[in-house]
Protein backbone atom coordinates (compact mmCIF):
# COMPACT_ATOMS: atom_id res chain seq x y z
CA ILE A 1 40.70 -133.20 10.48
CA LEU A 2 40.40 -130.63 13.31
CA PHE A 3 37.78 -127.62 12.27
CA VAL A 4 38.06 -124.23 13.78
CA ALA A 5 35.48 -121.39 13.20
CA TYR A 6 37.43 -118.50 12.84
CA GLN A 7 37.04 -115.25 15.19
CA PRO A 8 38.81 -112.28 14.76
CA SER A 9 40.81 -110.84 17.60
CA GLU A 10 40.53 -107.78 18.99
CA ALA A 11 43.96 -106.33 17.50
CA SER A 12 42.45 -107.34 13.69
CA ALA A 13 38.77 -105.90 14.04
CA ALA A 14 40.98 -102.63 14.76
CA VAL A 15 42.34 -103.06 11.43
CA GLU A 16 38.85 -103.53 9.69
CA PRO A 17 36.83 -100.48 9.18
CA ALA A 18 34.18 -100.51 12.13
CA ALA A 19 30.36 -99.09 10.75
CA ALA A 20 30.25 -95.62 12.53
CA PRO A 21 27.86 -95.43 15.27
CA GLN A 22 24.35 -93.81 15.00
CA SER A 23 25.65 -91.18 17.65
CA SER A 24 28.50 -89.97 15.80
CA PHE A 25 25.79 -89.48 13.52
CA ASP A 26 23.74 -87.68 15.52
CA SER A 27 26.20 -85.42 16.97
CA PHE A 28 27.15 -84.36 13.95
CA ASN A 29 23.54 -83.51 12.68
CA ARG A 30 23.33 -81.47 16.03
CA GLU A 31 26.55 -79.40 15.70
CA ALA A 32 25.62 -78.61 12.09
CA GLN A 33 22.05 -77.69 13.31
CA LYS A 34 23.71 -75.48 16.04
CA ILE A 35 25.94 -74.21 12.94
CA ASP A 36 23.29 -73.12 10.96
CA ARG A 37 21.07 -71.30 13.73
CA VAL A 38 23.87 -69.18 14.78
CA VAL A 39 24.80 -68.38 10.62
CA THR A 40 20.87 -67.54 10.76
CA LYS A 41 20.91 -65.51 13.31
CA GLU A 42 23.73 -63.47 12.18
CA ALA A 43 22.23 -63.01 8.92
CA LYS A 44 19.51 -61.63 10.41
CA LYS A 45 21.27 -59.17 12.43
CA ILE A 46 23.01 -57.92 9.35
CA ASP A 47 19.94 -57.72 7.66
CA ARG A 48 18.49 -55.56 10.53
CA VAL A 49 21.74 -53.16 10.47
CA VAL A 50 21.56 -53.21 6.49
CA SER A 51 17.53 -51.87 6.59
CA LYS A 52 18.27 -49.33 9.20
CA GLU A 53 21.14 -47.92 7.57
CA THR A 54 19.43 -48.22 4.14
CA LYS A 55 16.40 -45.97 5.69
CA LYS A 56 18.66 -43.98 7.14
CA VAL A 57 20.33 -43.12 3.78
CA GLN A 58 16.84 -42.44 1.95
CA LYS A 59 15.79 -40.75 4.69
CA GLU A 60 19.06 -38.18 4.33
CA VAL A 61 18.65 -38.36 0.37
CA THR A 62 14.75 -37.34 0.73
CA LYS A 63 16.01 -34.43 3.06
CA GLY A 64 18.37 -33.52 0.37
CA THR A 65 15.99 -33.92 -2.20
CA LYS A 66 13.31 -31.25 -0.40
CA LYS A 67 16.15 -28.94 0.45
CA VAL A 68 17.56 -29.00 -3.36
CA GLN A 69 13.62 -28.31 -4.52
CA LYS A 70 13.42 -25.51 -1.78
CA GLU A 71 16.14 -23.63 -3.34
CA ALA A 72 15.31 -24.31 -6.83
CA LYS A 73 11.84 -22.86 -6.11
CA LYS A 74 13.17 -19.70 -4.54
CA ALA A 75 15.55 -19.30 -7.11
CA GLU A 76 12.64 -19.78 -9.77
CA ASN A 77 10.46 -17.21 -7.39
CA GLY A 78 13.51 -14.50 -7.46
CA ILE A 79 14.23 -14.95 -11.06
CA ARG A 80 10.19 -14.01 -11.55
CA LYS A 81 9.99 -11.44 -9.29
CA ASP A 82 12.88 -9.87 -11.33
CA MET A 83 11.63 -10.34 -14.83
CA LYS A 84 8.29 -8.72 -13.34
CA LYS A 85 10.56 -5.93 -12.45
CA MET A 86 12.36 -5.63 -15.37
CA ASP A 87 9.06 -6.07 -17.91
CA ARG A 88 7.78 -2.87 -15.15
CA THR A 89 10.89 -1.09 -15.90
CA VAL A 90 10.58 -1.69 -19.69
CA THR A 91 6.90 -0.84 -20.13
CA LYS A 92 7.74 2.36 -18.13
CA GLU A 93 10.69 3.57 -20.29
CA THR A 94 8.76 2.49 -23.28
CA LYS A 95 5.73 5.10 -22.25
CA LYS A 96 8.03 7.61 -21.80
CA VAL A 97 9.78 7.17 -25.27
CA MET A 98 6.52 7.11 -26.67
CA LYS A 99 5.63 10.26 -25.10
CA LYS A 100 8.53 11.84 -26.13
CA VAL A 101 7.95 10.38 -29.71
CA ASP A 102 4.34 11.86 -29.93
CA LYS A 103 5.67 15.03 -28.61
CA GLU A 104 8.33 15.37 -31.41
CA THR A 105 5.45 14.35 -34.27
CA LYS A 106 3.29 16.85 -32.75
CA THR A 107 5.82 19.29 -32.98
CA VAL A 108 7.20 18.19 -36.41
CA GLN A 109 3.43 18.41 -37.57
CA LEU A 110 2.62 21.52 -36.01
CA LYS A 111 6.18 23.32 -37.91
CA VAL A 112 4.96 21.43 -41.31
CA LYS A 113 1.47 22.63 -40.77
CA ASN A 114 2.91 26.38 -40.08
CA MET A 115 5.14 26.21 -43.19
CA SER A 116 2.61 25.05 -45.21
CA ASN A 117 0.44 27.91 -44.44
CA ALA A 118 3.38 30.41 -44.91
CA VAL A 119 4.01 28.64 -48.43
CA GLU A 120 0.31 29.64 -49.33
CA LYS A 121 0.34 33.11 -47.60
CA GLU A 122 3.23 33.54 -49.97
CA THR A 123 1.67 32.28 -52.78
CA LYS A 124 -1.57 34.33 -52.84
CA ALA A 125 0.41 37.23 -52.01
């Protein structure tokens, strides 16, 4: 009886799954880290651009809001001015009318008094 120790040949070793060498995991990790750094760098760039654009938009909105408020204040002041003017005109016209009414009232009172005196004279005579 002959005992022969089994030693796989190089051809059969290629068929068997070989354990991946540590260096391939290291290179994979290095590549993953490179990709991660690039992605992080690009994300930061994007964040800066977005932040910058957001600030621009906010500035424009603030500017627009201030402009609208300024215009509204102008309009409000104009309306207030017109109302004061109208109020003065109404007051002036009211005084005119009241003067006329007072004058007419005095005239009527005078006529009534004269008529009353005339009636009294007629009655006495």
